[in-house]
Protein backbone atom coordinates (compact mmCIF):
# COMPACT_ATOMS: atom_id res chain seq x y z
CA MET A 1 19.25 7.87 -123.47
CA SER A 2 17.00 8.55 -126.21
CA LEU A 3 16.49 6.59 -129.92
CA LYS A 4 18.25 9.65 -131.08
CA GLU A 5 21.10 9.61 -128.85
CA THR A 6 21.77 5.90 -128.85
CA LEU A 7 21.88 6.33 -132.79
CA GLN A 8 24.35 9.21 -132.54
CA CYS A 9 26.45 7.05 -130.02
CA LEU A 10 26.51 4.18 -132.39
CA CYS A 11 27.21 6.32 -135.82
CA ASN A 12 29.57 8.93 -134.17
CA PRO A 13 30.86 8.07 -130.58
CA GLN A 14 33.22 10.99 -130.44
CA ALA A 15 30.64 13.54 -131.24
CA HIS A 16 27.92 11.93 -128.91
CA PHE A 17 30.66 11.86 -126.17
CA SER A 18 31.56 15.41 -127.17
CA LYS A 19 28.01 16.63 -126.57
CA VAL A 20 27.73 14.66 -123.07
CA LEU A 21 31.15 16.39 -121.98
CA ASN A 22 29.77 19.68 -122.94
CA ASP A 23 26.39 19.02 -121.40
CA ALA A 24 28.12 18.33 -117.96
CA PHE A 25 29.66 22.02 -117.88
CA LYS A 26 26.26 23.73 -118.10
CA ASP A 27 25.16 25.51 -114.87
CA ASP A 28 21.73 23.89 -114.94
CA ALA A 29 23.36 20.41 -115.47
CA ASP A 30 21.65 17.82 -112.88
CA GLU A 31 23.99 15.69 -110.86
CA ASN A 32 23.78 12.70 -113.14
CA THR A 33 24.89 14.92 -116.09
CA LYS A 34 27.83 16.38 -114.13
CA GLU A 35 28.91 12.89 -113.16
CA ALA A 36 29.26 12.00 -116.84
CA LEU A 37 32.09 14.26 -117.00
CA THR A 38 34.27 11.92 -114.90
CA ARG A 39 32.54 8.82 -116.28
CA VAL A 40 33.43 9.70 -119.96
CA ILE A 41 36.94 10.62 -119.30
CA VAL A 42 37.95 7.73 -117.34
CA THR A 43 35.99 5.20 -119.44
CA ARG A 44 36.99 6.30 -122.63
CA PHE A 45 40.53 7.06 -121.64
CA ASN A 46 42.27 3.93 -123.48
CA VAL A 47 39.62 3.72 -126.27
CA ASP A 48 39.01 6.91 -128.10
CA MET A 49 39.67 9.96 -125.97
CA LYS A 50 42.25 11.67 -128.19
CA GLU A 51 39.32 11.55 -130.92
CA ILE A 52 36.85 12.94 -128.52
CA ILE A 53 38.99 15.81 -127.30
CA GLU A 54 39.64 16.55 -131.10
CA GLU A 55 35.89 16.63 -131.80
CA PHE A 56 34.97 18.66 -128.73
CA ASP A 57 37.60 21.23 -129.74
CA LYS A 58 36.23 21.29 -133.04
CA GLN A 59 32.49 21.39 -132.01
CA TYR A 60 32.78 23.99 -129.29
CA LYS A 61 35.77 25.98 -130.44
CA ILE A 62 37.64 25.77 -126.91
CA PRO A 63 40.09 23.20 -126.03
CA LEU A 64 38.62 20.58 -123.52
CA THR A 65 41.30 21.25 -120.83
CA GLN A 66 40.74 25.11 -120.97
CA LYS A 67 36.73 24.34 -120.52
CA ILE A 68 37.65 22.02 -117.52
CA GLU A 69 40.11 24.61 -116.13
CA ASP A 70 37.30 27.26 -116.39
CA VAL A 71 34.66 25.08 -114.75
CA ALA A 72 36.10 22.55 -112.17
CA LEU A 73 37.82 23.46 -109.12
CA GLY A 74 40.94 21.99 -106.87
CA ASN A 75 42.16 18.64 -107.23
CA TYR A 76 39.31 17.38 -109.24
CA LYS A 77 40.40 19.90 -112.02
CA ASP A 78 43.86 18.91 -111.69
CA PHE A 79 42.83 15.23 -112.06
CA LEU A 80 40.69 15.79 -115.03
CA VAL A 81 43.41 17.99 -116.72
CA SER A 82 46.27 15.53 -116.06
CA LEU A 83 44.14 12.78 -117.68
CA ILE A 84 43.62 14.76 -120.73
CA ARG A 85 47.10 15.99 -121.20
CA ARG A 86 48.29 12.33 -120.98
CA VAL A 87 46.07 11.70 -124.17
CA ALA A 88 46.52 14.51 -126.01
């Protein structure tokens, strides 16, 4: 993580985690970046996931659940979407 990313995470964690989620959806994302999707949703679930969802929707003009449904598959997709819907 760069200094810029660290500062963004400290100053505006919702924007930082929204970017992390969006990066995980990219076709050219490496495995570590893709794994961040699950890591962010699970670790932030009881902290500030609702605010992250709102920030993601605002920044990328698409609901996070829709983006997950467009990209993820099978049980993994169902798991992530069900977590997001429990928060939102």
